Amino acid sequence: MTESPGKSAGRILVVVENLPVPFDRRVWMESTTLAQAGYQVCVICPTGKGYESLREDIDGIHIFRHRLPPEKSSALGYFREYSSALWAEWRLARKVWKEFGFDVIHACNPPDLIFLVALWFKLLHRTKFVFDHHDLTPELYESKFNRRGFFYHMMRLAERLTFALADRVISTNESYREVAIRRGHKRPEHVQVIRSGPDLSRFNPVPPDGRFKKGRKWLVGYMGVMGEFDGVDHLVRAAHHLIAARGREDIQFCFIGGGPCLESLKELAGRLGISPYVEFTGRVPDAEMISRLSSCDVCVDCDPLNPLNDKSTMNKILEYMALGRPIVQYDLLEGRRSAGDASLYARPNDIEDLAEKISDLLADEVKRSVMGKIGRERMINELEWRHQAPKLIQFYSRLV
């Protein structure tokens, strides 16, 4: 095992499976914060569009990437993906151990299987294990397939074993902390809430660009993943309601981001006859994403009510608030905890009420201005990464 040059506060290996780094904003902010505090940080993650290099050093972070098989929504597809990822993570963790060494494995779910990699090093080398709890995996399964069963209970088992092995747990909000304590049987003092607020030194509003409105009066925006249970189809149908039933031909809708449902959403817009009013940009560079959102009169979070979404903090809400945008969303527990008075709340899963709330907010310029200021000030004073970083550094100073 080769020591890295210079003395560090500690050596941390971060393992994340569902997104590449530095595209995963939360993992990247955690990694750079720890590196700036004097820790040696290595990251294992998958490859992705724009992040195909298997080995890369960025801002002092040593990044080791691995390829995954094509994503397929089936039991066999998930088995192939998870088994391939676990093998790659274990193989790369051994490589990192030989080249740099590490004192802590910091695992970011989903899935809740990375504990198998950590177990090897904890038993053989007495490394510590931190569980960074990004998603409620059993609830994710229940929300996706609308049922429980064998696989649900296997995920509960994997979650339980992850909590049992973890020396400490990082939760992204209070609901997740309650799960760690109640369901994971962790001691309250061993669970730290560290939210995913954006870094406002890099995430600030810019002057609106009228070109994005395509000649229309209003621009309504969505930014985020377009997966099976992100509810983006709700916003497409809400747009159809406003255009077809309400005759609102003065609204342009902008959908920023990618995901497995992107093409089917484009087809849905076409079948509904609203394609001229809807733009799907796919993934765009950060500067363009910030410019587009800054040009929106209203931003929407259309995540429907289900066991996962009700307890999860959606990064898009925090990013809308950081840009001073008024929000419309369904009335979910953590969504309301995050946005407070910076949002209007539609009845959960009621597409027509979602559409009406958008229309109501577009009609009230004063309310939009006040809500945007409330969200921006809440980010500056409470939620941005500047307030979370000291918690992470203190967490690790106690652990290492």
Protein backbone atom coordinates (compact mmCIF):
# COMPACT_ATOMS: atom_id res chain seq x y z
CA MET A 1 0.00 0.00 0.00
CA THR A 2 1.51 3.28 -1.13
CA GLU A 3 1.02 6.35 1.06
CA SER A 4 -0.03 9.51 -0.76
CA PRO A 5 2.42 12.41 -0.40
CA GLY A 6 1.91 14.80 2.47
CA LYS A 7 -0.01 14.38 5.69
CA SER A 8 -3.83 14.22 5.53
CA ALA A 9 -6.56 14.52 8.15
CA GLY A 10 -7.72 11.06 7.11
CA ARG A 11 -8.27 8.90 4.05
CA ILE A 12 -11.78 8.44 2.69
CA LEU A 13 -13.07 6.21 -0.09
CA VAL A 14 -16.49 7.31 -1.41
CA VAL A 15 -18.52 4.71 -3.32
CA VAL A 16 -21.55 5.79 -5.35
CA GLU A 17 -23.35 3.56 -7.84
CA ASN A 18 -26.18 5.41 -9.56
CA LEU A 19 -24.46 8.52 -11.00
CA PRO A 20 -20.96 9.47 -12.18
CA VAL A 21 -18.86 12.02 -10.33
CA PRO A 22 -18.66 15.01 -10.59
CA PHE A 23 -22.13 14.93 -12.21
CA ASP A 24 -23.61 13.80 -8.86
CA ARG A 25 -23.71 17.23 -7.21
CA ARG A 26 -24.13 16.06 -3.63
CA VAL A 27 -21.29 13.53 -3.77
CA TRP A 28 -19.05 16.06 -5.47
CA MET A 29 -19.76 18.77 -2.88
CA GLU A 30 -19.05 16.29 -0.08
CA SER A 31 -15.84 15.13 -1.73
CA THR A 32 -14.45 18.60 -2.43
CA THR A 33 -15.42 19.84 1.04
CA LEU A 34 -13.53 16.98 2.67
CA ALA A 35 -10.52 17.44 0.36
CA GLN A 36 -10.39 21.14 1.20
CA ALA A 37 -10.47 20.21 4.89
CA GLY A 38 -7.31 18.15 4.45
CA TYR A 39 -8.69 14.67 3.81
CA GLN A 40 -7.44 12.40 1.06
CA VAL A 41 -10.52 11.54 -1.01
CA CYS A 42 -10.93 8.81 -3.62
CA VAL A 43 -14.25 8.11 -5.37
CA ILE A 44 -15.55 4.98 -7.08
CA CYS A 45 -18.49 5.58 -9.41
CA PRO A 46 -19.95 4.45 -12.76
CA THR A 47 -19.19 6.02 -16.09
CA GLY A 48 -21.81 8.20 -17.78
CA LYS A 49 -22.35 10.57 -20.67
CA GLY A 50 -19.48 13.04 -20.62
CA TYR A 51 -17.70 11.02 -17.91
CA GLU A 52 -16.34 8.03 -19.84
CA SER A 53 -12.76 8.11 -18.50
CA LEU A 54 -12.03 5.20 -16.16
CA ARG A 55 -9.38 7.11 -14.17
CA GLU A 56 -9.31 10.83 -13.57
CA ASP A 57 -8.05 13.35 -11.00
CA ILE A 58 -10.13 16.53 -10.59
CA ASP A 59 -9.53 19.20 -7.93
CA GLY A 60 -7.41 16.79 -5.93
CA ILE A 61 -10.08 14.04 -5.95
CA HIS A 62 -8.94 10.66 -7.30
CA ILE A 63 -11.82 9.23 -9.36
CA PHE A 64 -12.06 5.56 -10.37
CA ARG A 65 -14.94 4.74 -12.74
CA HIS A 66 -16.42 1.46 -13.97
CA ARG A 67 -18.88 0.59 -16.71
CA LEU A 68 -22.34 -0.86 -16.08
CA PRO A 69 -24.52 -3.04 -18.33
CA PRO A 70 -27.47 -1.29 -20.04
CA GLU A 71 -30.26 -0.42 -17.60
CA LYS A 72 -33.25 -2.78 -17.83
CA SER A 73 -36.34 -2.62 -15.62
CA SER A 74 -36.56 -6.34 -14.81
CA ALA A 75 -35.38 -8.71 -12.10
CA LEU A 76 -32.67 -10.09 -14.40
CA GLY A 77 -31.66 -6.58 -15.46
CA TYR A 78 -31.27 -5.42 -11.86
CA PHE A 79 -29.35 -8.59 -10.94
CA ARG A 80 -26.90 -7.98 -13.79
CA GLU A 81 -26.51 -4.31 -12.90
CA TYR A 82 -26.00 -4.81 -9.17
CA SER A 83 -23.71 -7.82 -9.48
CA SER A 84 -21.60 -6.04 -12.09
CA ALA A 85 -21.41 -2.92 -9.93
CA LEU A 86 -20.48 -4.83 -6.77
CA TRP A 87 -17.70 -6.69 -8.54
CA ALA A 88 -16.33 -3.48 -10.03
CA GLU A 89 -16.57 -1.63 -6.69
CA TRP A 90 -14.77 -4.39 -4.82
CA ARG A 91 -12.09 -4.66 -7.51
CA LEU A 92 -11.54 -0.89 -7.60
CA ALA A 93 -11.61 -0.62 -3.79
CA ARG A 94 -8.73 -3.11 -3.64
CA LYS A 95 -6.89 -1.02 -6.23
CA VAL A 96 -7.46 2.16 -4.19
CA TRP A 97 -6.33 0.35 -1.03
CA LYS A 98 -3.04 -0.68 -2.66
CA GLU A 99 -2.40 2.73 -4.23
CA PHE A 100 -3.61 5.15 -1.55
CA GLY A 101 -5.14 3.33 1.41
CA PHE A 102 -8.26 4.52 3.24
CA ASP A 103 -9.58 4.71 6.79
CA VAL A 104 -13.29 5.04 5.93
CA ILE A 105 -15.61 3.71 3.23
CA HIS A 106 -18.36 6.28 2.63
CA ALA A 107 -21.18 4.49 0.77
CA CYS A 108 -23.93 6.38 -1.06
CA ASN A 109 -27.04 4.36 -1.87
CA PRO A 110 -29.03 3.17 -3.82
CA PRO A 111 -28.72 0.23 -3.77
CA ASP A 112 -28.20 -0.89 -0.18
CA LEU A 113 -25.63 -3.51 -1.19
CA ILE A 114 -22.40 -1.53 -0.96
CA PHE A 115 -22.07 -2.77 2.63
CA LEU A 116 -20.79 -6.04 1.08
CA VAL A 117 -17.74 -4.16 -0.23
CA ALA A 118 -17.29 -2.37 3.10
CA LEU A 119 -17.59 -5.64 5.05
CA TRP A 120 -14.45 -7.04 3.41
CA PHE A 121 -12.30 -4.09 4.43
CA LYS A 122 -13.89 -3.72 7.85
CA LEU A 123 -13.13 -7.33 8.73
CA LEU A 124 -9.62 -7.47 7.24
CA HIS A 125 -8.37 -3.91 7.78
CA ARG A 126 -10.66 -2.43 10.44
CA THR A 127 -11.79 0.41 8.23
CA LYS A 128 -14.86 2.35 9.34
CA PHE A 129 -18.11 2.45 7.40
CA VAL A 130 -20.31 5.51 6.83
CA PHE A 131 -23.74 5.08 5.24
CA ASP A 132 -24.77 8.21 3.30
CA HIS A 133 -28.51 7.59 2.98
CA HIS A 134 -29.69 9.13 -0.32
CA ASP A 135 -32.79 7.01 -1.03
CA LEU A 136 -35.24 4.83 0.86
CA THR A 137 -34.66 1.75 -1.28
CA PRO A 138 -37.59 -0.36 -0.01
CA GLU A 139 -39.95 2.58 -0.56
CA LEU A 140 -38.37 3.11 -3.97
CA TYR A 141 -39.29 -0.46 -4.93
CA GLU A 142 -42.81 -0.13 -3.47
CA SER A 143 -43.36 3.17 -5.31
CA LYS A 144 -42.06 1.82 -8.60
CA PHE A 145 -44.00 -1.44 -8.67
CA ASN A 146 -46.92 -0.46 -6.40
CA ARG A 147 -46.58 -3.60 -4.31
CA ARG A 148 -44.57 -5.33 -1.66
CA GLY A 149 -43.36 -8.90 -1.84
CA PHE A 150 -40.19 -10.97 -1.90
CA PHE A 151 -37.93 -8.29 -3.40
CA TYR A 152 -39.31 -5.59 -1.11
CA HIS A 153 -38.45 -7.68 1.95
CA MET A 154 -35.01 -8.48 0.53
CA MET A 155 -34.41 -4.73 0.23
CA ARG A 156 -35.54 -4.25 3.82
CA LEU A 157 -33.00 -6.91 4.81
CA ALA A 158 -30.21 -5.23 2.83
CA GLU A 159 -31.11 -1.88 4.40
CA ARG A 160 -31.08 -3.44 7.88
CA LEU A 161 -27.66 -5.02 7.31
CA THR A 162 -26.31 -1.72 5.97
CA PHE A 163 -27.47 0.12 9.09
CA ALA A 164 -26.09 -2.64 11.32
CA LEU A 165 -22.63 -2.45 9.75
CA ALA A 166 -22.49 1.36 9.64
CA ASP A 167 -20.43 3.11 12.29
CA ARG A 168 -22.26 6.36 11.49
CA VAL A 169 -25.14 7.43 9.24
CA ILE A 170 -25.63 10.62 7.23
CA SER A 171 -29.30 11.42 6.50
CA THR A 172 -30.43 13.92 3.88
CA ASN A 173 -33.46 15.09 5.92
CA GLU A 174 -35.36 14.54 9.15
CA SER A 175 -37.61 11.83 7.68
CA TYR A 176 -34.56 9.77 6.72
CA ARG A 177 -33.06 10.34 10.16
CA GLU A 178 -36.25 8.96 11.71
CA VAL A 179 -35.93 5.86 9.51
CA ALA A 180 -32.30 5.35 10.57
CA ILE A 181 -33.24 5.55 14.25
CA ARG A 182 -36.54 3.69 14.16
CA ARG A 183 -36.03 1.12 11.42
CA GLY A 184 -32.24 0.97 11.43
CA HIS A 185 -31.96 0.95 15.25
CA LYS A 186 -29.15 3.52 15.18
CA ARG A 187 -28.42 5.64 18.21
CA PRO A 188 -29.61 9.24 17.62
CA GLU A 189 -26.15 10.66 18.27
CA HIS A 190 -24.78 8.45 15.48
CA VAL A 191 -27.09 9.92 12.81
CA GLN A 192 -26.33 13.35 11.32
CA VAL A 193 -28.62 15.30 8.98
CA ILE A 194 -26.65 16.90 6.14
CA ARG A 195 -28.90 18.35 3.46
CA SER A 196 -28.13 18.66 -0.26
CA GLY A 197 -28.40 22.42 -0.66
CA PRO A 198 -26.59 23.75 -3.75
CA ASP A 199 -23.39 25.73 -3.53
CA LEU A 200 -24.50 29.34 -4.05
CA SER A 201 -20.99 30.37 -5.02
CA ARG A 202 -21.69 28.46 -8.26
CA PHE A 203 -25.49 28.42 -8.41
CA ASN A 204 -26.95 31.91 -8.75
CA PRO A 205 -29.69 33.44 -10.92
CA VAL A 206 -28.78 35.26 -14.13
CA PRO A 207 -30.85 37.74 -16.18
CA PRO A 208 -33.73 36.04 -18.03
CA ASP A 209 -33.28 35.19 -21.71
CA GLY A 210 -36.49 35.78 -23.65
CA ARG A 211 -35.47 33.39 -26.44
CA PHE A 212 -36.47 30.41 -24.29
CA LYS A 213 -40.11 31.56 -24.33
CA LYS A 214 -40.37 30.94 -28.08
CA GLY A 215 -42.41 34.11 -28.54
CA ARG A 216 -44.92 33.30 -25.78
CA LYS A 217 -45.65 35.38 -22.67
CA TRP A 218 -44.89 32.82 -19.98
CA LEU A 219 -42.30 30.09 -19.39
CA VAL A 220 -42.95 27.17 -17.04
CA GLY A 221 -39.96 24.94 -16.28
CA TYR A 222 -39.08 21.52 -14.95
CA MET A 223 -35.55 20.32 -14.25
CA GLY A 224 -34.60 16.84 -13.13
CA VAL A 225 -34.52 13.15 -13.90
CA MET A 226 -37.29 11.79 -16.10
CA GLY A 227 -37.84 8.33 -14.65
CA GLU A 228 -40.80 6.05 -14.14
CA PHE A 229 -42.00 7.56 -10.90
CA ASP A 230 -40.80 11.17 -11.16
CA GLY A 231 -44.25 12.20 -12.39
CA VAL A 232 -43.03 14.20 -15.39
CA ASP A 233 -46.00 12.86 -17.35
CA HIS A 234 -48.21 14.71 -14.83
CA LEU A 235 -46.72 18.01 -15.96
CA VAL A 236 -47.13 17.08 -19.65
CA ARG A 237 -50.80 16.31 -18.99
CA ALA A 238 -51.16 19.50 -16.92
CA ALA A 239 -49.76 21.43 -19.88
CA HIS A 240 -52.35 19.75 -22.11
CA HIS A 241 -55.11 20.74 -19.69
CA LEU A 242 -54.00 24.37 -19.73
CA ILE A 243 -53.60 24.51 -23.52
CA ALA A 244 -56.59 22.40 -24.63
CA ALA A 245 -59.15 22.98 -21.86
CA ARG A 246 -58.18 26.49 -20.80
CA GLY A 247 -56.98 27.82 -24.16
CA ARG A 248 -53.68 28.95 -22.68
CA GLU A 249 -51.64 29.26 -25.86
CA ASP A 250 -49.47 31.91 -24.15
CA ILE A 251 -47.43 29.41 -22.09
CA GLN A 252 -44.22 27.66 -23.18
CA PHE A 253 -43.10 24.60 -21.19
CA CYS A 254 -39.44 23.65 -20.83
CA PHE A 255 -38.31 20.21 -19.60
CA ILE A 256 -34.61 20.09 -18.71
CA GLY A 257 -32.90 16.76 -18.06
CA GLY A 258 -32.76 13.21 -19.26
CA GLY A 259 -33.76 9.76 -18.14
CA PRO A 260 -35.32 6.49 -19.27
CA CYS A 261 -38.73 8.10 -19.90
CA LEU A 262 -37.54 11.03 -22.02
CA GLU A 263 -38.55 9.56 -25.39
CA SER A 264 -41.92 8.31 -24.13
CA LEU A 265 -42.65 11.80 -22.74
CA LYS A 266 -41.90 13.34 -26.13
CA GLU A 267 -44.29 10.82 -27.70
CA LEU A 268 -46.97 11.66 -25.09
CA ALA A 269 -46.68 15.37 -25.90
CA GLY A 270 -47.06 14.52 -29.58
CA ARG A 271 -50.15 12.36 -29.02
CA LEU A 272 -51.72 15.14 -26.97
CA GLY A 273 -50.99 17.65 -29.72
CA ILE A 274 -48.94 20.04 -27.59
CA SER A 275 -45.45 19.52 -29.05
CA PRO A 276 -45.19 23.16 -30.27
CA TYR A 277 -45.64 24.33 -26.68
CA VAL A 278 -43.20 21.86 -25.09
CA GLU A 279 -39.41 21.74 -25.36
CA PHE A 280 -37.38 18.78 -24.11
CA THR A 281 -33.75 19.87 -23.90
CA GLY A 282 -32.15 16.69 -22.56
CA ARG A 283 -29.14 17.21 -20.33
CA VAL A 284 -27.56 20.61 -20.82
CA PRO A 285 -24.41 22.29 -19.40
CA ASP A 286 -24.85 23.94 -16.01
CA ALA A 287 -24.63 27.46 -17.43
CA GLU A 288 -27.47 26.80 -19.87
CA MET A 289 -29.56 25.07 -17.20
CA ILE A 290 -29.20 28.05 -14.84
CA SER A 291 -30.04 30.47 -17.68
CA ARG A 292 -33.16 28.53 -18.66
CA LEU A 293 -34.44 28.20 -15.08
CA SER A 294 -33.68 31.87 -14.39
CA SER A 295 -35.92 32.68 -17.37
CA CYS A 296 -38.87 30.68 -15.98
CA ASP A 297 -41.84 32.49 -14.48
CA VAL A 298 -42.80 29.35 -12.53
CA CYS A 299 -40.90 26.14 -11.82
CA VAL A 300 -42.66 22.85 -11.13
CA ASP A 301 -41.90 19.74 -9.09
CA CYS A 302 -44.38 17.12 -10.26
CA ASP A 303 -43.23 14.20 -8.10
CA PRO A 304 -46.44 12.34 -7.18
CA LEU A 305 -47.35 11.21 -3.69
CA ASN A 306 -45.93 7.76 -2.96
CA PRO A 307 -44.02 6.20 -0.04
CA LEU A 308 -40.64 7.34 -1.42
CA ASN A 309 -41.42 10.87 -2.59
CA ASP A 310 -43.31 11.88 0.55
CA LYS A 311 -40.21 11.36 2.70
CA SER A 312 -37.56 12.50 0.20
CA THR A 313 -36.03 15.93 -0.36
CA MET A 314 -36.01 16.73 -4.07
CA ASN A 315 -32.87 18.56 -5.16
CA LYS A 316 -34.81 20.36 -7.89
CA ILE A 317 -36.85 22.21 -5.25
CA LEU A 318 -33.70 23.49 -3.54
CA GLU A 319 -32.23 24.53 -6.89
CA TYR A 320 -35.42 26.38 -7.88
CA MET A 321 -35.25 28.21 -4.55
CA ALA A 322 -31.56 29.02 -5.03
CA LEU A 323 -32.49 30.74 -8.32
CA GLY A 324 -35.34 32.66 -6.70
CA ARG A 325 -38.06 30.88 -8.68
CA PRO A 326 -41.63 30.51 -7.33
CA ILE A 327 -42.66 26.84 -7.24
CA VAL A 328 -45.73 24.70 -7.77
CA GLN A 329 -45.66 21.13 -6.43
CA TYR A 330 -47.85 18.44 -4.95
CA ASP A 331 -48.34 18.69 -1.19
CA LEU A 332 -45.73 16.22 0.11
CA LEU A 333 -44.21 16.15 3.59
CA GLU A 334 -40.57 16.88 2.76
CA GLY A 335 -41.46 19.11 -0.19
CA ARG A 336 -43.35 21.41 2.17
CA ARG A 337 -40.58 21.20 4.78
CA SER A 338 -38.06 22.32 2.16
CA ALA A 339 -39.98 25.06 0.34
CA GLY A 340 -42.39 26.41 2.95
CA ASP A 341 -43.97 29.63 1.66
CA ALA A 342 -41.85 29.59 -1.52
CA SER A 343 -44.33 27.18 -3.12
CA LEU A 344 -47.98 26.63 -3.93
CA TYR A 345 -49.23 23.12 -3.15
CA ALA A 346 -51.63 21.16 -5.33
CA ARG A 347 -53.68 18.24 -4.09
CA PRO A 348 -51.44 15.16 -4.37
CA ASN A 349 -51.62 13.45 -7.76
CA ASP A 350 -54.41 15.77 -8.97
CA ILE A 351 -53.19 16.84 -12.43
CA GLU A 352 -55.95 19.39 -12.98
CA ASP A 353 -55.24 21.05 -9.62
CA LEU A 354 -51.54 21.12 -10.52
CA ALA A 355 -52.48 22.91 -13.74
CA GLU A 356 -54.76 25.36 -11.90
CA LYS A 357 -52.04 26.21 -9.37
CA ILE A 358 -49.66 26.99 -12.24
CA SER A 359 -52.29 29.22 -13.83
CA ASP A 360 -53.05 30.95 -10.51
CA LEU A 361 -49.38 31.71 -9.90
CA LEU A 362 -48.80 33.03 -13.42
CA ALA A 363 -51.69 35.45 -12.84
CA ASP A 364 -50.19 36.94 -9.66
CA GLU A 365 -46.95 38.82 -10.27
CA VAL A 366 -46.67 40.06 -6.68
CA LYS A 367 -47.04 36.56 -5.25
CA ARG A 368 -44.43 35.20 -7.65
CA SER A 369 -41.97 37.90 -6.61
CA VAL A 370 -42.56 37.39 -2.88
CA MET A 371 -42.31 33.59 -3.13
CA GLY A 372 -39.10 33.81 -5.13
CA LYS A 373 -37.52 36.07 -2.51
CA ILE A 374 -38.66 33.80 0.34
CA GLY A 375 -37.06 30.77 -1.32
CA ARG A 376 -33.83 32.56 -2.13
CA GLU A 377 -33.48 33.95 1.40
CA ARG A 378 -34.21 30.53 2.92
CA MET A 379 -31.43 29.05 0.82
CA ILE A 380 -28.98 31.81 1.78
CA ASN A 381 -29.80 31.75 5.49
CA GLU A 382 -30.44 28.05 6.16
CA LEU A 383 -30.11 25.47 3.41
CA GLU A 384 -27.22 26.21 1.02
CA TRP A 385 -24.13 24.02 1.12
CA ARG A 386 -22.23 26.69 3.09
CA HIS A 387 -24.38 25.71 6.08
CA GLN A 388 -24.02 21.95 5.49
CA ALA A 389 -20.25 21.77 4.93
CA PRO A 390 -19.28 22.50 8.59
CA LYS A 391 -21.61 19.68 9.70
CA LEU A 392 -19.83 17.25 7.39
CA ILE A 393 -16.38 18.32 8.57
CA GLN A 394 -17.43 18.06 12.23
CA PHE A 395 -18.95 14.64 11.52
CA TYR A 396 -15.66 13.35 10.15
CA SER A 397 -13.50 15.02 12.80
CA ARG A 398 -15.38 12.97 15.38
CA LEU A 399 -15.20 9.76 13.36
CA VAL A 400 -11.62 9.63 12.07
